[in-house]
Every structure is written in structure tokens, then in C-alpha cells.
Amino acid sequence: MRVGLVSTTTATREHEIEAIMQVISTVEHAQNNELPDEFLSLFRADAIWTTGGGKRLFGRDAISEFTHQVLPGAMKDTTVSFELEHLMFIRPDVAAVKLRQIYQTPEGPDVGSPLWILAKEDGKWLLTAAQNIGVPDDELTASTDKHPVFAPGK
């Protein structure tokens, strides 16, 4: 993982990185366990979310409607994990988080590359804007043309 930082103390930096890692862990837990409300608790009310299939969602209400439709049942025989690739603090209370998202499906693995912008509000890091995209040339998927999660049109 690479970290780009604004000037902060080491202890503060480590605390903020741990808190952001907890957001990542909570997203992973909520998706794997199909818990839409846990997932939605991580968003600002005015958040912007673009799914791996390109669906653009504006505001927590739209994200909630979509998530409650697709998440229950979506992870049957599938798991997802997130690896933090890069973290850049734009300001002490705003961070850009680049992830490698690995889905293990019955059809094989599929890899996404989400970018999340988190903002810290009232002491809590919240998803503010996010976009996901598949990575067809990732080493896990390069040897196959199967993309069970990030296939065009999904």
C-alpha cells in the first residue's frame, strides 16, 4: 500500500489509516453477509456512487433503493475481498482510497478497481463519492475472458 499524506503527526496518521481500514472492512463484511443497512450506514446523505456496471446513484436514498434490490442474494456462492492499494489524504478530513476488489465466484475470479472518496464528519469517515470499474487485464482474470461480475452490461 502506498500512502500520500498531508502534514500530520505519525500517531494521528496511523489512527486515521486504521479508521479508514475499518470502513473498508465494514464494506467487505456487509457485502459478504448481504447486509444492506450496514453498508448504507457508511454513506453521507448526499453521496455519489457509481456501480461496477456503470449505474450512477445520487444520494443515500437512491443508493439504498439499489442496494436493497441487488445485495440480498447477490453473494450466493460468491465472496469479495478488498486490498488497499493507495491512500491519499487530500486534506486531514478527506481521503482518496484506491482498492483492488477481488470477487471469487463459481465462474472464477473477477477483479474491480474502486476509487472511494471519504470525508470525516463528526469523527466518522463516510463514503462521499465512489466509482468502480472492472480490471480485465488483472493477473487473476487475464487468462480468461470470463468476467462474472464486471461483464459489460452488468
N, C-alpha and C. Protein backbone atom coordinates (compact mmCIF):
# COMPACT_ATOMS: atom_id res chain seq x y z
N MET A 1 0.84 -1.17 0.00
CA MET A 1 0.00 0.00 0.00
C MET A 1 0.88 1.23 0.00
N ARG A 2 0.50 2.20 -0.79
CA ARG A 2 1.18 3.49 -0.79
C ARG A 2 0.28 4.50 -0.11
N VAL A 3 0.88 5.41 0.62
CA VAL A 3 0.11 6.43 1.31
C VAL A 3 0.70 7.79 0.99
N GLY A 4 -0.14 8.69 0.50
CA GLY A 4 0.24 10.08 0.31
C GLY A 4 -0.43 10.88 1.40
N LEU A 5 0.31 11.72 2.09
CA LEU A 5 -0.23 12.37 3.27
C LEU A 5 0.01 13.86 3.27
N VAL A 6 -0.94 14.57 3.86
CA VAL A 6 -0.70 15.96 4.22
C VAL A 6 0.04 15.93 5.55
N SER A 7 0.54 17.04 5.98
CA SER A 7 1.33 17.08 7.20
C SER A 7 0.45 16.80 8.43
N THR A 8 0.72 15.69 9.10
CA THR A 8 0.06 15.34 10.35
C THR A 8 1.06 14.59 11.20
N THR A 9 0.75 14.42 12.47
CA THR A 9 1.63 13.64 13.31
C THR A 9 1.52 12.16 12.95
N THR A 10 2.51 11.39 13.25
CA THR A 10 2.51 9.96 12.96
C THR A 10 1.37 9.26 13.67
N ALA A 11 1.13 9.58 14.93
CA ALA A 11 0.06 8.94 15.69
C ALA A 11 -1.30 9.26 15.08
N THR A 12 -1.52 10.50 14.70
CA THR A 12 -2.78 10.89 14.06
C THR A 12 -2.95 10.17 12.74
N ARG A 13 -1.89 10.13 11.97
CA ARG A 13 -1.91 9.45 10.67
C ARG A 13 -2.28 7.98 10.84
N GLU A 14 -1.63 7.31 11.76
CA GLU A 14 -1.91 5.89 11.99
C GLU A 14 -3.35 5.67 12.45
N HIS A 15 -3.85 6.55 13.31
CA HIS A 15 -5.24 6.44 13.77
C HIS A 15 -6.21 6.60 12.60
N GLU A 16 -5.96 7.57 11.74
CA GLU A 16 -6.86 7.81 10.59
C GLU A 16 -6.79 6.65 9.59
N ILE A 17 -5.61 6.12 9.37
CA ILE A 17 -5.48 4.96 8.47
C ILE A 17 -6.24 3.77 9.04
N GLU A 18 -6.13 3.53 10.33
CA GLU A 18 -6.88 2.44 10.97
C GLU A 18 -8.38 2.65 10.82
N ALA A 19 -8.84 3.88 10.98
CA ALA A 19 -10.28 4.16 10.85
C ALA A 19 -10.75 3.94 9.41
N ILE A 20 -9.95 4.32 8.44
CA ILE A 20 -10.30 4.09 7.04
C ILE A 20 -10.27 2.60 6.73
N MET A 21 -9.31 1.87 7.27
CA MET A 21 -9.27 0.42 7.08
C MET A 21 -10.52 -0.23 7.66
N GLN A 22 -11.06 0.33 8.73
CA GLN A 22 -12.30 -0.19 9.31
C GLN A 22 -13.48 0.01 8.36
N VAL A 23 -13.52 1.15 7.66
CA VAL A 23 -14.57 1.37 6.66
C VAL A 23 -14.48 0.30 5.57
N ILE A 24 -13.26 0.05 5.09
CA ILE A 24 -13.05 -0.97 4.06
C ILE A 24 -13.52 -2.33 4.57
N SER A 25 -13.14 -2.66 5.78
CA SER A 25 -13.53 -3.94 6.38
C SER A 25 -15.04 -4.04 6.53
N THR A 26 -15.68 -2.96 6.90
CA THR A 26 -17.13 -2.97 7.07
C THR A 26 -17.84 -3.15 5.73
N VAL A 27 -17.36 -2.51 4.68
CA VAL A 27 -17.94 -2.71 3.34
C VAL A 27 -17.81 -4.18 2.95
N GLU A 28 -16.62 -4.75 3.14
CA GLU A 28 -16.40 -6.16 2.82
C GLU A 28 -17.36 -7.06 3.61
N HIS A 29 -17.48 -6.82 4.91
CA HIS A 29 -18.36 -7.61 5.76
C HIS A 29 -19.82 -7.47 5.30
N ALA A 30 -20.25 -6.24 5.05
CA ALA A 30 -21.64 -6.00 4.65
C ALA A 30 -21.96 -6.67 3.32
N GLN A 31 -21.03 -6.62 2.37
CA GLN A 31 -21.29 -7.26 1.09
C GLN A 31 -21.30 -8.77 1.23
N ASN A 32 -20.31 -9.34 1.88
CA ASN A 32 -20.23 -10.80 2.00
C ASN A 32 -21.40 -11.38 2.77
N ASN A 33 -21.95 -10.61 3.70
CA ASN A 33 -23.06 -11.09 4.52
C ASN A 33 -24.41 -10.52 4.09
N GLU A 34 -24.41 -9.82 2.96
CA GLU A 34 -25.62 -9.27 2.36
C GLU A 34 -26.41 -8.42 3.37
N LEU A 35 -25.73 -7.43 3.94
CA LEU A 35 -26.30 -6.56 4.96
C LEU A 35 -26.42 -5.13 4.43
N PRO A 36 -27.49 -4.83 3.68
CA PRO A 36 -27.59 -3.51 3.07
C PRO A 36 -27.55 -2.36 4.06
N ASP A 37 -28.19 -2.50 5.22
CA ASP A 37 -28.22 -1.39 6.17
C ASP A 37 -26.84 -1.10 6.76
N GLU A 38 -26.06 -2.14 6.99
CA GLU A 38 -24.68 -1.93 7.47
C GLU A 38 -23.88 -1.18 6.41
N PHE A 39 -24.03 -1.59 5.16
CA PHE A 39 -23.37 -0.94 4.03
C PHE A 39 -23.79 0.54 3.94
N LEU A 40 -25.07 0.79 4.01
CA LEU A 40 -25.59 2.14 3.85
C LEU A 40 -25.21 3.08 4.99
N SER A 41 -24.91 2.52 6.15
CA SER A 41 -24.53 3.35 7.30
C SER A 41 -23.20 4.06 7.07
N LEU A 42 -22.48 3.66 6.03
CA LEU A 42 -21.16 4.22 5.75
C LEU A 42 -21.20 5.42 4.80
N PHE A 43 -22.40 5.82 4.33
CA PHE A 43 -22.53 6.86 3.33
C PHE A 43 -23.03 8.17 3.91
N ARG A 44 -22.51 9.26 3.34
CA ARG A 44 -23.10 10.57 3.58
C ARG A 44 -24.48 10.60 2.93
N ALA A 45 -25.35 11.46 3.39
CA ALA A 45 -26.69 11.57 2.81
C ALA A 45 -26.65 11.97 1.35
N ASP A 46 -25.67 12.78 0.96
CA ASP A 46 -25.58 13.28 -0.41
C ASP A 46 -24.53 12.55 -1.25
N ALA A 47 -24.18 11.35 -0.86
CA ALA A 47 -23.11 10.59 -1.53
C ALA A 47 -23.44 10.31 -3.00
N ILE A 48 -22.38 10.12 -3.77
CA ILE A 48 -22.47 9.71 -5.17
C ILE A 48 -21.82 8.34 -5.27
N TRP A 49 -22.49 7.39 -5.91
CA TRP A 49 -21.98 6.03 -6.04
C TRP A 49 -22.18 5.59 -7.48
N THR A 50 -21.13 5.14 -8.14
CA THR A 50 -21.24 4.54 -9.47
C THR A 50 -20.83 3.09 -9.34
N THR A 51 -21.75 2.20 -9.70
CA THR A 51 -21.53 0.77 -9.55
C THR A 51 -20.52 0.25 -10.58
N GLY A 52 -20.06 -0.98 -10.37
CA GLY A 52 -19.17 -1.61 -11.33
C GLY A 52 -19.80 -1.78 -12.70
N GLY A 53 -21.12 -1.79 -12.75
CA GLY A 53 -21.84 -1.88 -14.02
C GLY A 53 -22.15 -0.52 -14.63
N GLY A 54 -21.72 0.55 -13.97
CA GLY A 54 -21.90 1.89 -14.52
C GLY A 54 -23.17 2.61 -14.10
N LYS A 55 -23.95 2.03 -13.21
CA LYS A 55 -25.17 2.69 -12.75
C LYS A 55 -24.78 3.84 -11.82
N ARG A 56 -25.29 5.03 -12.13
CA ARG A 56 -24.97 6.22 -11.34
C ARG A 56 -26.08 6.47 -10.32
N LEU A 57 -25.70 6.56 -9.07
CA LEU A 57 -26.65 6.75 -7.98
C LEU A 57 -26.29 8.02 -7.22
N PHE A 58 -27.28 8.87 -7.00
CA PHE A 58 -27.05 10.16 -6.34
C PHE A 58 -27.86 10.22 -5.06
N GLY A 59 -27.18 10.25 -3.94
CA GLY A 59 -27.82 10.35 -2.63
C GLY A 59 -28.02 8.98 -1.99
N ARG A 60 -27.99 8.99 -0.66
CA ARG A 60 -28.12 7.74 0.09
C ARG A 60 -29.45 7.04 -0.19
N ASP A 61 -30.53 7.80 -0.44
CA ASP A 61 -31.82 7.17 -0.72
C ASP A 61 -31.76 6.34 -2.00
N ALA A 62 -31.15 6.87 -3.06
CA ALA A 62 -31.01 6.12 -4.32
C ALA A 62 -30.07 4.93 -4.13
N ILE A 63 -29.00 5.14 -3.37
CA ILE A 63 -28.06 4.04 -3.10
C ILE A 63 -28.77 2.96 -2.30
N SER A 64 -29.60 3.37 -1.36
CA SER A 64 -30.36 2.42 -0.54
C SER A 64 -31.33 1.60 -1.39
N GLU A 65 -32.07 2.28 -2.24
CA GLU A 65 -33.04 1.57 -3.09
C GLU A 65 -32.33 0.53 -3.94
N PHE A 66 -31.24 0.91 -4.58
CA PHE A 66 -30.48 -0.01 -5.42
C PHE A 66 -29.91 -1.16 -4.59
N THR A 67 -29.30 -0.84 -3.47
CA THR A 67 -28.64 -1.85 -2.64
C THR A 67 -29.64 -2.85 -2.09
N HIS A 68 -30.80 -2.38 -1.66
CA HIS A 68 -31.81 -3.29 -1.14
C HIS A 68 -32.38 -4.20 -2.23
N GLN A 69 -32.28 -3.78 -3.50
CA GLN A 69 -32.72 -4.61 -4.61
C GLN A 69 -31.69 -5.67 -4.98
N VAL A 70 -30.41 -5.29 -4.99
CA VAL A 70 -29.40 -6.19 -5.56
C VAL A 70 -28.59 -6.97 -4.54
N LEU A 71 -28.38 -6.44 -3.35
CA LEU A 71 -27.48 -7.12 -2.42
C LEU A 71 -28.06 -8.42 -1.86
N PRO A 72 -29.29 -8.44 -1.41
CA PRO A 72 -29.81 -9.73 -0.92
C PRO A 72 -29.81 -10.76 -2.07
N GLY A 73 -29.06 -11.83 -1.86
CA GLY A 73 -28.96 -12.88 -2.88
C GLY A 73 -27.79 -12.72 -3.83
N ALA A 74 -27.18 -11.54 -3.85
CA ALA A 74 -26.10 -11.28 -4.80
C ALA A 74 -24.83 -12.05 -4.50
N MET A 75 -24.63 -12.44 -3.26
CA MET A 75 -23.36 -13.06 -2.88
C MET A 75 -23.47 -14.58 -2.73
N LYS A 76 -24.55 -15.16 -3.24
CA LYS A 76 -24.70 -16.61 -3.18
C LYS A 76 -23.52 -17.26 -3.90
N ASP A 77 -22.78 -18.09 -3.19
CA ASP A 77 -21.61 -18.79 -3.73
C ASP A 77 -20.51 -17.84 -4.18
N THR A 78 -20.51 -16.61 -3.66
CA THR A 78 -19.53 -15.60 -4.06
C THR A 78 -19.01 -14.91 -2.81
N THR A 79 -17.74 -14.55 -2.84
CA THR A 79 -17.16 -13.72 -1.78
C THR A 79 -16.40 -12.58 -2.43
N VAL A 80 -16.21 -11.53 -1.67
CA VAL A 80 -15.45 -10.39 -2.14
C VAL A 80 -14.45 -10.01 -1.05
N SER A 81 -13.27 -9.59 -1.48
CA SER A 81 -12.28 -9.05 -0.56
C SER A 81 -11.72 -7.77 -1.17
N PHE A 82 -11.24 -6.91 -0.29
CA PHE A 82 -10.68 -5.63 -0.71
C PHE A 82 -9.24 -5.53 -0.23
N GLU A 83 -8.38 -5.07 -1.12
CA GLU A 83 -6.99 -4.79 -0.77
C GLU A 83 -6.74 -3.30 -0.99
N LEU A 84 -6.26 -2.63 0.03
CA LEU A 84 -5.93 -1.22 -0.10
C LEU A 84 -4.66 -1.10 -0.94
N GLU A 85 -4.76 -0.40 -2.07
CA GLU A 85 -3.59 -0.20 -2.93
C GLU A 85 -2.93 1.16 -2.70
N HIS A 86 -3.74 2.17 -2.46
CA HIS A 86 -3.18 3.51 -2.30
C HIS A 86 -4.16 4.34 -1.47
N LEU A 87 -3.61 5.14 -0.59
CA LEU A 87 -4.39 6.04 0.24
C LEU A 87 -3.75 7.42 0.17
N MET A 88 -4.54 8.41 -0.21
CA MET A 88 -4.04 9.77 -0.29
C MET A 88 -4.95 10.68 0.53
N PHE A 89 -4.37 11.33 1.51
CA PHE A 89 -5.13 12.32 2.27
C PHE A 89 -5.09 13.63 1.48
N ILE A 90 -6.24 14.02 0.97
CA ILE A 90 -6.37 15.28 0.23
C ILE A 90 -6.31 16.44 1.21
N ARG A 91 -6.98 16.25 2.32
CA ARG A 91 -6.92 17.13 3.49
C ARG A 91 -6.97 16.20 4.69
N PRO A 92 -6.74 16.68 5.88
CA PRO A 92 -6.80 15.77 7.03
C PRO A 92 -8.16 15.08 7.19
N ASP A 93 -9.23 15.68 6.64
CA ASP A 93 -10.56 15.11 6.78
C ASP A 93 -11.15 14.60 5.46
N VAL A 94 -10.33 14.48 4.43
CA VAL A 94 -10.77 13.97 3.12
C VAL A 94 -9.69 13.05 2.58
N ALA A 95 -10.09 11.85 2.16
CA ALA A 95 -9.12 10.88 1.67
C ALA A 95 -9.61 10.22 0.39
N ALA A 96 -8.67 9.98 -0.52
CA ALA A 96 -8.92 9.19 -1.71
C ALA A 96 -8.38 7.79 -1.43
N VAL A 97 -9.21 6.78 -1.65
CA VAL A 97 -8.87 5.40 -1.30
C VAL A 97 -8.98 4.56 -2.57
N LYS A 98 -7.85 4.02 -3.03
CA LYS A 98 -7.83 3.16 -4.21
C LYS A 98 -7.70 1.72 -3.75
N LEU A 99 -8.60 0.88 -4.26
CA LEU A 99 -8.69 -0.50 -3.82
C LEU A 99 -8.58 -1.48 -4.98
N ARG A 100 -8.22 -2.68 -4.64
CA ARG A 100 -8.32 -3.83 -5.54
C ARG A 100 -9.38 -4.72 -4.92
N GLN A 101 -10.44 -4.97 -5.68
CA GLN A 101 -11.61 -5.70 -5.20
C GLN A 101 -11.64 -7.05 -5.92
N ILE A 102 -11.55 -8.12 -5.16
CA ILE A 102 -11.47 -9.45 -5.76
C ILE A 102 -12.72 -10.25 -5.42
N TYR A 103 -13.48 -10.56 -6.45
CA TYR A 103 -14.64 -11.43 -6.30
C TYR A 103 -14.22 -12.85 -6.63
N GLN A 104 -14.58 -13.79 -5.77
CA GLN A 104 -14.41 -15.21 -6.05
C GLN A 104 -15.81 -15.76 -6.33
N THR A 105 -16.04 -16.21 -7.56
CA THR A 105 -17.35 -16.68 -7.98
C THR A 105 -17.24 -18.11 -8.49
N PRO A 106 -18.35 -18.81 -8.64
CA PRO A 106 -18.30 -20.16 -9.22
C PRO A 106 -17.71 -20.16 -10.64
N GLU A 107 -17.84 -19.06 -11.36
CA GLU A 107 -17.29 -18.95 -12.71
C GLU A 107 -15.81 -18.57 -12.72
N GLY A 108 -15.28 -18.26 -11.57
CA GLY A 108 -13.88 -17.84 -11.45
C GLY A 108 -13.79 -16.45 -10.86
N PRO A 109 -12.56 -15.95 -10.70
CA PRO A 109 -12.38 -14.64 -10.08
C PRO A 109 -12.70 -13.50 -11.03
N ASP A 110 -13.05 -12.39 -10.46
CA ASP A 110 -13.21 -11.15 -11.21
C ASP A 110 -12.68 -10.03 -10.33
N VAL A 111 -12.06 -9.04 -10.95
CA VAL A 111 -11.37 -8.00 -10.19
C VAL A 111 -11.90 -6.63 -10.56
N GLY A 112 -12.16 -5.84 -9.52
CA GLY A 112 -12.56 -4.46 -9.69
C GLY A 112 -11.52 -3.52 -9.12
N SER A 113 -11.65 -2.25 -9.50
CA SER A 113 -10.71 -1.23 -9.04
C SER A 113 -11.48 0.00 -8.56
N PRO A 114 -12.11 -0.10 -7.38
CA PRO A 114 -12.86 1.03 -6.87
C PRO A 114 -11.97 2.20 -6.45
N LEU A 115 -12.50 3.39 -6.59
CA LEU A 115 -11.91 4.60 -6.02
C LEU A 115 -12.98 5.22 -5.14
N TRP A 116 -12.67 5.36 -3.87
CA TRP A 116 -13.59 5.95 -2.91
C TRP A 116 -13.01 7.26 -2.40
N ILE A 117 -13.88 8.25 -2.29
CA ILE A 117 -13.52 9.49 -1.60
C ILE A 117 -14.28 9.46 -0.28
N LEU A 118 -13.53 9.52 0.81
CA LEU A 118 -14.12 9.52 2.15
C LEU A 118 -13.93 10.89 2.77
N ALA A 119 -14.92 11.31 3.52
CA ALA A 119 -14.84 12.56 4.28
C ALA A 119 -15.15 12.25 5.73
N LYS A 120 -14.41 12.88 6.61
CA LYS A 120 -14.61 12.67 8.04
C LYS A 120 -15.58 13.71 8.57
N GLU A 121 -16.68 13.22 9.14
CA GLU A 121 -17.70 14.10 9.69
C GLU A 121 -18.08 13.62 11.08
N ASP A 122 -18.08 14.52 12.01
CA ASP A 122 -18.40 14.19 13.41
C ASP A 122 -17.58 13.00 13.89
N GLY A 123 -16.30 12.96 13.50
CA GLY A 123 -15.39 11.92 13.96
C GLY A 123 -15.48 10.60 13.22
N LYS A 124 -16.33 10.52 12.17
CA LYS A 124 -16.54 9.26 11.46
C LYS A 124 -16.23 9.44 9.97
N TRP A 125 -15.46 8.50 9.41
CA TRP A 125 -15.18 8.51 7.97
C TRP A 125 -16.38 7.96 7.23
N LEU A 126 -16.87 8.72 6.23
CA LEU A 126 -18.04 8.32 5.45
C LEU A 126 -17.72 8.32 3.96
N LEU A 127 -18.32 7.37 3.25
CA LEU A 127 -18.21 7.33 1.80
C LEU A 127 -18.95 8.53 1.23
N THR A 128 -18.25 9.30 0.41
CA THR A 128 -18.79 10.53 -0.14
C THR A 128 -19.00 10.42 -1.64
N ALA A 129 -18.04 9.87 -2.34
CA ALA A 129 -18.14 9.64 -3.77
C ALA A 129 -17.32 8.39 -4.09
N ALA A 130 -17.86 7.55 -4.95
CA ALA A 130 -17.17 6.31 -5.27
C ALA A 130 -17.51 5.86 -6.67
N GLN A 131 -16.54 5.23 -7.31
CA GLN A 131 -16.75 4.66 -8.64
C GLN A 131 -15.98 3.36 -8.71
N ASN A 132 -16.57 2.38 -9.37
CA ASN A 132 -15.94 1.08 -9.52
C ASN A 132 -15.84 0.75 -11.01
N ILE A 133 -14.87 -0.06 -11.33
CA ILE A 133 -14.66 -0.50 -12.70
C ILE A 133 -13.97 -1.86 -12.66
N GLY A 134 -14.28 -2.69 -13.63
CA GLY A 134 -13.61 -3.98 -13.74
C GLY A 134 -12.20 -3.81 -14.29
N VAL A 135 -11.36 -4.79 -14.03
CA VAL A 135 -9.97 -4.76 -14.49
C VAL A 135 -9.72 -6.02 -15.31
N PRO A 136 -10.00 -5.97 -16.61
CA PRO A 136 -9.89 -7.18 -17.43
C PRO A 136 -8.48 -7.72 -17.57
N ASP A 137 -7.47 -6.89 -17.36
CA ASP A 137 -6.10 -7.36 -17.54
C ASP A 137 -5.40 -7.66 -16.22
N ASP A 138 -6.16 -7.79 -15.14
CA ASP A 138 -5.57 -8.18 -13.86
C ASP A 138 -5.05 -9.61 -13.98
N GLU A 139 -3.97 -9.92 -13.26
CA GLU A 139 -3.37 -11.25 -13.37
C GLU A 139 -4.34 -12.37 -13.01
N LEU A 140 -5.35 -12.09 -12.20
CA LEU A 140 -6.32 -13.13 -11.86
C LEU A 140 -7.30 -13.41 -13.00
N THR A 141 -7.52 -12.42 -13.86
CA THR A 141 -8.52 -12.58 -14.91
C THR A 141 -7.95 -12.55 -16.32
N ALA A 142 -6.66 -12.28 -16.46
CA ALA A 142 -6.07 -12.13 -17.79
C ALA A 142 -6.11 -13.41 -18.61
N SER A 143 -6.11 -14.55 -17.98
CA SER A 143 -6.06 -15.80 -18.73
C SER A 143 -7.45 -16.29 -19.15
N THR A 144 -8.46 -15.54 -18.84
CA THR A 144 -9.82 -15.94 -19.19
C THR A 144 -10.60 -14.74 -19.70
N ASP A 145 -11.60 -15.01 -20.48
CA ASP A 145 -12.46 -13.91 -20.92
C ASP A 145 -13.74 -13.84 -20.11
N LYS A 146 -13.80 -14.63 -19.02
CA LYS A 146 -14.96 -14.63 -18.14
C LYS A 146 -14.84 -13.47 -17.16
N HIS A 147 -15.90 -12.71 -17.05
CA HIS A 147 -15.99 -11.63 -16.07
C HIS A 147 -17.38 -11.68 -15.47
N PRO A 148 -17.58 -12.56 -14.48
CA PRO A 148 -18.92 -12.77 -13.93
C PRO A 148 -19.50 -11.56 -13.21
N VAL A 149 -18.68 -10.67 -12.73
CA VAL A 149 -19.18 -9.51 -12.00
C VAL A 149 -19.11 -8.26 -12.87
N PHE A 150 -18.01 -8.06 -13.58
CA PHE A 150 -17.78 -6.82 -14.31
C PHE A 150 -17.95 -6.97 -15.82
N ALA A 151 -18.73 -7.94 -16.25
CA ALA A 151 -19.00 -8.09 -17.67
C ALA A 151 -19.76 -6.86 -18.17
N PRO A 152 -19.53 -6.46 -19.42
CA PRO A 152 -20.28 -5.33 -19.97
C PRO A 152 -21.78 -5.54 -19.80
N GLY A 153 -22.46 -4.49 -19.38
CA GLY A 153 -23.89 -4.54 -19.22
C GLY A 153 -24.38 -5.01 -17.86
N LYS A 154 -23.47 -5.38 -16.96
CA LYS A 154 -23.91 -5.82 -15.63
C LYS A 154 -23.99 -4.66 -14.68
